[in-house]
């Protein structure tokens, strides 16, 4: 037996890659073709309640869906109300400096609400099958 056959090489992935893959409980997975080469993560993808990402209908899965729906609802309401504020301030005849500041705040809030809803929806779709409740 050669000494190189017994060495196990574990390549640890960055945490942002580990969010998208679900490794076993020990955090490493070896290649079937080259069992001495493994990839690992310092953190294992789990819900806050401890279940893995593939445990559908678990409390963690339901909480994630509820948080996603709340983000969509609040983000949509934020986009609508900030759009109304911007339209009202633009149609005012006399504008004060304070009105300009309120309009800039509404523009920034509109961008934040739209991006929060978009990014959260993208994260849910990346994890896959998260919409099946």
N, C-alpha and C. Protein backbone atom coordinates (compact mmCIF):
# COMPACT_ATOMS: atom_id res chain seq x y z
N UNK A 1 0.83 -1.17 0.00
CA UNK A 1 0.00 0.00 0.00
C UNK A 1 0.89 1.25 0.00
N UNK A 2 0.55 2.16 -0.86
CA UNK A 2 1.31 3.39 -1.00
C UNK A 2 0.85 4.40 0.06
N UNK A 3 1.75 5.23 0.55
CA UNK A 3 1.41 6.20 1.60
C UNK A 3 0.47 7.29 1.09
N UNK A 4 0.51 7.59 -0.20
CA UNK A 4 -0.38 8.62 -0.73
C UNK A 4 -1.82 8.16 -0.81
N UNK A 5 -2.06 6.85 -0.83
CA UNK A 5 -3.42 6.34 -0.88
C UNK A 5 -4.13 6.49 0.46
N UNK A 6 -3.40 6.56 1.55
CA UNK A 6 -4.03 6.64 2.86
C UNK A 6 -4.25 8.08 3.32
N UNK A 7 -3.62 9.05 2.65
CA UNK A 7 -3.79 10.44 3.06
C UNK A 7 -5.15 10.96 2.60
N UNK A 8 -5.82 11.63 3.50
CA UNK A 8 -7.12 12.22 3.19
C UNK A 8 -6.95 13.73 3.10
N UNK A 9 -7.28 14.29 1.96
CA UNK A 9 -7.14 15.73 1.74
C UNK A 9 -8.54 16.34 1.80
N UNK A 10 -8.73 17.26 2.75
CA UNK A 10 -10.01 17.96 2.88
C UNK A 10 -9.80 19.41 2.49
N UNK A 11 -10.48 19.82 1.44
CA UNK A 11 -10.42 21.20 0.97
C UNK A 11 -11.65 21.93 1.53
N UNK A 12 -11.42 22.91 2.41
CA UNK A 12 -12.53 23.64 3.02
C UNK A 12 -12.97 24.78 2.11
N UNK A 13 -14.27 24.82 1.86
CA UNK A 13 -14.85 25.83 0.99
C UNK A 13 -15.13 27.11 1.77
N UNK A 14 -15.19 28.25 1.09
CA UNK A 14 -15.59 29.49 1.77
C UNK A 14 -17.04 29.40 2.24
N UNK A 15 -17.39 30.16 3.25
CA UNK A 15 -18.73 30.08 3.84
C UNK A 15 -19.83 30.44 2.85
N UNK A 16 -19.56 31.34 1.91
CA UNK A 16 -20.62 31.70 0.97
C UNK A 16 -20.94 30.56 0.01
N UNK A 17 -20.02 29.63 -0.24
CA UNK A 17 -20.34 28.43 -1.00
C UNK A 17 -21.12 27.44 -0.14
N UNK A 18 -20.79 27.39 1.13
CA UNK A 18 -21.43 26.42 2.02
C UNK A 18 -22.91 26.71 2.23
N UNK A 19 -23.34 27.94 1.98
CA UNK A 19 -24.76 28.26 2.10
C UNK A 19 -25.58 27.58 1.03
N UNK A 20 -24.97 27.24 -0.10
CA UNK A 20 -25.71 26.70 -1.23
C UNK A 20 -25.65 25.19 -1.35
N UNK A 21 -24.84 24.52 -0.53
CA UNK A 21 -24.77 23.07 -0.60
C UNK A 21 -25.12 22.51 0.77
N UNK A 22 -25.64 21.30 0.77
CA UNK A 22 -26.04 20.65 2.02
C UNK A 22 -25.17 19.42 2.21
N UNK A 23 -24.14 19.56 3.01
CA UNK A 23 -23.22 18.46 3.28
C UNK A 23 -23.76 17.61 4.42
N UNK A 24 -23.24 16.38 4.57
CA UNK A 24 -23.67 15.54 5.70
C UNK A 24 -23.32 16.18 7.04
N UNK A 25 -23.74 15.53 8.11
CA UNK A 25 -23.58 16.08 9.46
C UNK A 25 -22.13 16.39 9.83
N UNK A 26 -21.18 15.60 9.35
CA UNK A 26 -19.79 15.85 9.72
C UNK A 26 -19.18 17.01 8.94
N UNK A 27 -19.88 17.53 7.94
CA UNK A 27 -19.41 18.71 7.21
C UNK A 27 -18.45 18.42 6.09
N UNK A 28 -18.20 17.14 5.77
CA UNK A 28 -17.31 16.80 4.66
C UNK A 28 -18.00 15.80 3.75
N UNK A 29 -17.61 15.83 2.49
CA UNK A 29 -18.12 14.86 1.52
C UNK A 29 -16.99 14.51 0.57
N UNK A 30 -16.78 13.21 0.37
CA UNK A 30 -15.67 12.75 -0.46
C UNK A 30 -16.18 12.36 -1.85
N UNK A 31 -15.30 12.45 -2.82
CA UNK A 31 -15.63 12.10 -4.19
C UNK A 31 -15.69 10.58 -4.33
N UNK A 32 -16.67 10.05 -5.05
CA UNK A 32 -16.71 8.59 -5.24
C UNK A 32 -15.56 8.09 -6.11
N UNK A 33 -15.07 8.92 -7.04
CA UNK A 33 -13.97 8.51 -7.91
C UNK A 33 -12.62 8.61 -7.22
N UNK A 34 -12.45 9.64 -6.37
CA UNK A 34 -11.20 9.86 -5.64
C UNK A 34 -11.55 9.99 -4.16
N UNK A 35 -11.67 8.88 -3.43
CA UNK A 35 -12.11 8.97 -2.03
C UNK A 35 -11.13 9.67 -1.11
N UNK A 36 -9.89 9.88 -1.54
CA UNK A 36 -8.94 10.57 -0.68
C UNK A 36 -9.07 12.09 -0.79
N UNK A 37 -9.90 12.58 -1.72
CA UNK A 37 -10.12 14.03 -1.89
C UNK A 37 -11.53 14.35 -1.43
N UNK A 38 -11.63 15.22 -0.43
CA UNK A 38 -12.94 15.58 0.12
C UNK A 38 -13.08 17.10 0.15
N UNK A 39 -14.32 17.55 0.12
CA UNK A 39 -14.60 18.98 0.33
C UNK A 39 -15.33 19.09 1.66
N UNK A 40 -15.13 20.21 2.32
CA UNK A 40 -15.76 20.40 3.61
C UNK A 40 -16.15 21.84 3.84
N UNK A 41 -16.96 22.02 4.83
CA UNK A 41 -17.40 23.35 5.24
C UNK A 41 -17.21 23.47 6.75
N UNK A 42 -16.87 24.66 7.16
CA UNK A 42 -16.76 24.89 8.60
C UNK A 42 -18.14 24.96 9.25
N UNK A 43 -19.14 25.33 8.48
CA UNK A 43 -20.51 25.36 8.98
C UNK A 43 -21.36 24.47 8.09
N UNK A 44 -22.34 23.81 8.66
CA UNK A 44 -23.26 22.95 7.93
C UNK A 44 -24.55 23.72 7.74
N UNK A 45 -25.12 23.68 6.51
CA UNK A 45 -26.35 24.40 6.23
C UNK A 45 -27.52 23.84 7.02
N UNK A 46 -28.03 24.62 7.95
CA UNK A 46 -29.18 24.22 8.76
C UNK A 46 -30.07 25.42 9.00
N UNK A 47 -31.31 25.14 9.38
CA UNK A 47 -32.19 26.19 9.84
C UNK A 47 -31.79 26.58 11.25
N UNK A 48 -32.30 27.68 11.72
CA UNK A 48 -31.99 28.13 13.08
C UNK A 48 -32.49 27.15 14.13
N UNK A 49 -33.51 26.36 13.78
CA UNK A 49 -34.05 25.41 14.74
C UNK A 49 -33.33 24.07 14.71
N UNK A 50 -32.32 23.89 13.84
CA UNK A 50 -31.48 22.70 13.87
C UNK A 50 -31.72 21.68 12.78
N UNK A 51 -32.79 21.80 11.99
CA UNK A 51 -33.06 20.83 10.93
C UNK A 51 -32.20 21.14 9.72
N UNK A 52 -31.96 20.12 8.87
CA UNK A 52 -31.23 20.36 7.63
C UNK A 52 -32.16 21.04 6.63
N UNK A 53 -31.58 21.53 5.55
CA UNK A 53 -32.36 22.27 4.55
C UNK A 53 -33.34 21.39 3.80
N UNK A 54 -33.17 20.08 3.86
CA UNK A 54 -34.06 19.17 3.14
C UNK A 54 -35.23 18.67 4.00
N UNK A 55 -35.33 19.12 5.24
CA UNK A 55 -36.44 18.71 6.11
C UNK A 55 -37.63 19.65 5.90
N UNK A 56 -38.46 19.31 4.90
CA UNK A 56 -39.61 20.14 4.59
C UNK A 56 -40.68 19.97 5.68
N UNK A 57 -41.49 20.99 5.85
CA UNK A 57 -42.55 21.05 6.85
C UNK A 57 -42.01 21.04 8.27
N UNK A 58 -40.72 21.25 8.44
CA UNK A 58 -40.15 21.37 9.77
C UNK A 58 -40.40 22.80 10.26
N UNK A 59 -40.25 23.04 11.57
CA UNK A 59 -40.45 24.41 12.06
C UNK A 59 -39.53 25.44 11.39
N UNK A 60 -38.28 25.07 11.13
CA UNK A 60 -37.36 26.00 10.47
C UNK A 60 -37.79 26.35 9.06
N UNK A 61 -38.30 25.36 8.34
CA UNK A 61 -38.77 25.57 6.97
C UNK A 61 -39.99 26.48 6.97
N UNK A 62 -40.92 26.24 7.86
CA UNK A 62 -42.13 27.06 7.94
C UNK A 62 -41.78 28.49 8.34
N UNK A 63 -40.85 28.66 9.28
CA UNK A 63 -40.42 30.00 9.70
C UNK A 63 -39.79 30.75 8.53
N UNK A 64 -38.96 30.07 7.73
CA UNK A 64 -38.35 30.71 6.56
C UNK A 64 -39.39 31.16 5.55
N UNK A 65 -40.40 30.33 5.31
CA UNK A 65 -41.46 30.71 4.37
C UNK A 65 -42.25 31.90 4.91
N UNK A 66 -42.55 31.90 6.21
CA UNK A 66 -43.29 33.02 6.80
C UNK A 66 -42.47 34.31 6.71
N UNK A 67 -41.18 34.22 6.99
CA UNK A 67 -40.32 35.41 6.89
C UNK A 67 -40.23 35.90 5.44
N UNK A 68 -40.19 34.98 4.49
CA UNK A 68 -40.14 35.37 3.09
C UNK A 68 -41.42 36.08 2.68
N UNK A 69 -42.57 35.52 3.07
CA UNK A 69 -43.86 36.14 2.73
C UNK A 69 -43.98 37.52 3.40
N UNK A 70 -43.53 37.63 4.65
CA UNK A 70 -43.57 38.93 5.34
C UNK A 70 -42.69 39.95 4.64
N UNK A 71 -41.53 39.53 4.16
CA UNK A 71 -40.64 40.44 3.44
C UNK A 71 -41.27 40.90 2.13
N UNK A 72 -41.93 40.00 1.43
CA UNK A 72 -42.61 40.36 0.18
C UNK A 72 -43.74 41.34 0.45
N UNK A 73 -44.55 41.09 1.47
CA UNK A 73 -45.68 41.98 1.78
C UNK A 73 -45.19 43.35 2.23
N UNK A 74 -44.25 43.38 3.16
CA UNK A 74 -43.73 44.66 3.66
C UNK A 74 -42.99 45.41 2.55
N UNK A 75 -42.21 44.69 1.74
CA UNK A 75 -41.50 45.33 0.63
C UNK A 75 -42.44 45.93 -0.39
N UNK A 76 -43.53 45.21 -0.71
CA UNK A 76 -44.51 45.73 -1.66
C UNK A 76 -45.21 46.96 -1.11
N UNK A 77 -45.61 46.91 0.16
CA UNK A 77 -46.23 48.08 0.77
C UNK A 77 -45.27 49.26 0.82
N UNK A 78 -44.00 49.00 1.09
CA UNK A 78 -43.00 50.07 1.11
C UNK A 78 -42.81 50.70 -0.25
N UNK A 79 -42.80 49.89 -1.31
CA UNK A 79 -42.66 50.43 -2.66
C UNK A 79 -43.86 51.29 -3.01
N UNK A 80 -45.06 50.81 -2.68
CA UNK A 80 -46.28 51.56 -3.02
C UNK A 80 -46.34 52.89 -2.25
N UNK A 81 -46.14 52.84 -0.94
CA UNK A 81 -46.27 54.07 -0.15
C UNK A 81 -45.17 55.08 -0.48
N UNK A 82 -43.95 54.62 -0.70
CA UNK A 82 -42.88 55.56 -1.04
C UNK A 82 -43.07 56.14 -2.43
N UNK A 83 -43.66 55.38 -3.35
CA UNK A 83 -43.98 55.93 -4.67
C UNK A 83 -45.03 57.03 -4.55
N UNK A 84 -46.01 56.83 -3.70
CA UNK A 84 -47.04 57.86 -3.47
C UNK A 84 -46.42 59.11 -2.87
N UNK A 85 -45.53 58.95 -1.91
CA UNK A 85 -44.87 60.10 -1.28
C UNK A 85 -44.06 60.88 -2.31
N UNK A 86 -43.33 60.19 -3.17
CA UNK A 86 -42.53 60.86 -4.20
C UNK A 86 -43.43 61.62 -5.17
N UNK A 87 -44.54 60.99 -5.59
CA UNK A 87 -45.45 61.67 -6.51
C UNK A 87 -46.08 62.91 -5.88
N UNK A 88 -46.49 62.82 -4.63
CA UNK A 88 -47.11 63.96 -3.95
C UNK A 88 -46.13 65.11 -3.82
N UNK A 89 -44.90 64.82 -3.42
CA UNK A 89 -43.91 65.89 -3.23
C UNK A 89 -43.52 66.51 -4.58
N UNK A 90 -43.48 65.72 -5.65
CA UNK A 90 -43.14 66.27 -6.96
C UNK A 90 -44.23 67.19 -7.49
N UNK A 91 -45.48 66.94 -7.13
CA UNK A 91 -46.59 67.77 -7.62
C UNK A 91 -46.90 68.96 -6.73
N UNK A 92 -46.15 69.15 -5.67
CA UNK A 92 -46.36 70.31 -4.81
C UNK A 92 -45.85 71.56 -5.53
N UNK A 93 -46.56 72.68 -5.32
CA UNK A 93 -46.17 73.93 -5.98
C UNK A 93 -44.96 74.57 -5.31
N UNK A 94 -45.01 74.68 -4.02
CA UNK A 94 -43.89 75.30 -3.30
C UNK A 94 -43.14 74.20 -2.54
N UNK A 95 -41.87 74.09 -2.85
CA UNK A 95 -41.06 73.06 -2.23
C UNK A 95 -40.05 73.72 -1.30
N UNK A 96 -39.96 73.17 -0.10
CA UNK A 96 -38.97 73.63 0.86
C UNK A 96 -37.81 72.65 0.88
N UNK A 97 -36.69 73.01 1.47
CA UNK A 97 -35.56 72.06 1.56
C UNK A 97 -35.93 70.78 2.30
N UNK A 98 -36.81 70.89 3.28
CA UNK A 98 -37.25 69.71 4.03
C UNK A 98 -37.99 68.73 3.12
N UNK A 99 -38.77 69.26 2.16
CA UNK A 99 -39.49 68.39 1.22
C UNK A 99 -38.51 67.62 0.33
N UNK A 100 -37.44 68.28 -0.04
CA UNK A 100 -36.40 67.60 -0.84
C UNK A 100 -35.77 66.47 -0.03
N UNK A 101 -35.51 66.70 1.24
CA UNK A 101 -34.93 65.65 2.09
C UNK A 101 -35.89 64.47 2.25
N UNK A 102 -37.18 64.76 2.43
CA UNK A 102 -38.18 63.69 2.56
C UNK A 102 -38.26 62.89 1.26
N UNK A 103 -38.19 63.57 0.12
CA UNK A 103 -38.25 62.87 -1.15
C UNK A 103 -37.02 61.98 -1.35
N UNK A 104 -35.84 62.44 -0.96
CA UNK A 104 -34.64 61.61 -1.06
C UNK A 104 -34.72 60.41 -0.13
N UNK A 105 -35.27 60.61 1.06
CA UNK A 105 -35.46 59.50 1.99
C UNK A 105 -36.44 58.48 1.42
N UNK A 106 -37.51 58.96 0.79
CA UNK A 106 -38.49 58.05 0.18
C UNK A 106 -37.87 57.28 -0.99
N UNK A 107 -37.00 57.94 -1.77
CA UNK A 107 -36.32 57.25 -2.88
C UNK A 107 -35.41 56.14 -2.36
N UNK A 108 -34.65 56.46 -1.33
CA UNK A 108 -33.75 55.46 -0.76
C UNK A 108 -34.54 54.30 -0.14
N UNK A 109 -35.62 54.62 0.55
CA UNK A 109 -36.46 53.58 1.16
C UNK A 109 -37.12 52.72 0.09
N UNK A 110 -37.52 53.31 -1.02
CA UNK A 110 -38.11 52.55 -2.12
C UNK A 110 -37.10 51.56 -2.69
N UNK A 111 -35.86 52.00 -2.87
CA UNK A 111 -34.81 51.12 -3.37
C UNK A 111 -34.54 49.98 -2.39
N UNK A 112 -34.50 50.30 -1.09
CA UNK A 112 -34.24 49.26 -0.08
C UNK A 112 -35.37 48.23 -0.02
N UNK A 113 -36.62 48.69 -0.08
CA UNK A 113 -37.76 47.76 -0.04
C UNK A 113 -37.77 46.85 -1.26
N UNK A 114 -37.54 47.43 -2.43
CA UNK A 114 -37.54 46.62 -3.66
C UNK A 114 -36.39 45.63 -3.67
N UNK A 115 -35.21 46.06 -3.24
CA UNK A 115 -34.07 45.14 -3.26
C UNK A 115 -34.20 44.06 -2.19
N UNK A 116 -34.79 44.37 -1.04
CA UNK A 116 -34.98 43.34 0.00
C UNK A 116 -35.92 42.24 -0.49
N UNK A 117 -37.02 42.64 -1.13
CA UNK A 117 -37.96 41.64 -1.64
C UNK A 117 -37.33 40.82 -2.76
N UNK A 118 -36.55 41.47 -3.63
CA UNK A 118 -35.93 40.77 -4.75
C UNK A 118 -34.84 39.81 -4.28
N UNK A 119 -33.97 40.26 -3.39
CA UNK A 119 -32.87 39.42 -2.92
C UNK A 119 -33.40 38.25 -2.10
N UNK A 120 -34.42 38.50 -1.28
CA UNK A 120 -34.98 37.42 -0.47
C UNK A 120 -35.64 36.37 -1.36
N UNK A 121 -36.34 36.80 -2.41
CA UNK A 121 -36.95 35.85 -3.33
C UNK A 121 -35.88 35.06 -4.08
N UNK A 122 -34.79 35.71 -4.45
CA UNK A 122 -33.69 34.99 -5.12
C UNK A 122 -33.08 33.96 -4.19
N UNK A 123 -32.90 34.30 -2.92
CA UNK A 123 -32.33 33.34 -1.97
C UNK A 123 -33.24 32.14 -1.78
N UNK A 124 -34.54 32.37 -1.72
CA UNK A 124 -35.48 31.26 -1.56
C UNK A 124 -35.45 30.36 -2.79
N UNK A 125 -35.36 30.94 -3.98
CA UNK A 125 -35.35 30.12 -5.19
C UNK A 125 -34.02 29.39 -5.36
N UNK A 126 -32.92 29.96 -4.85
CA UNK A 126 -31.62 29.27 -4.94
C UNK A 126 -31.63 28.02 -4.08
N UNK A 127 -32.19 28.11 -2.88
CA UNK A 127 -32.21 26.94 -2.01
C UNK A 127 -33.10 25.83 -2.55
N UNK A 128 -33.98 26.15 -3.46
CA UNK A 128 -34.77 25.15 -4.16
C UNK A 128 -35.81 24.47 -3.31
N UNK A 129 -36.95 24.22 -3.91
CA UNK A 129 -38.07 23.53 -3.29
C UNK A 129 -38.55 24.21 -2.02
N UNK A 130 -38.15 25.43 -1.78
CA UNK A 130 -38.57 26.11 -0.57
C UNK A 130 -39.99 26.64 -0.67
N UNK A 131 -40.54 26.64 -1.86
CA UNK A 131 -41.89 27.15 -2.05
C UNK A 131 -42.94 26.08 -1.81
N UNK A 132 -42.54 24.83 -1.65
CA UNK A 132 -43.51 23.75 -1.47
C UNK A 132 -43.87 23.64 0.01
N UNK A 133 -44.99 24.25 0.36
CA UNK A 133 -45.49 24.12 1.73
C UNK A 133 -46.88 23.55 1.72
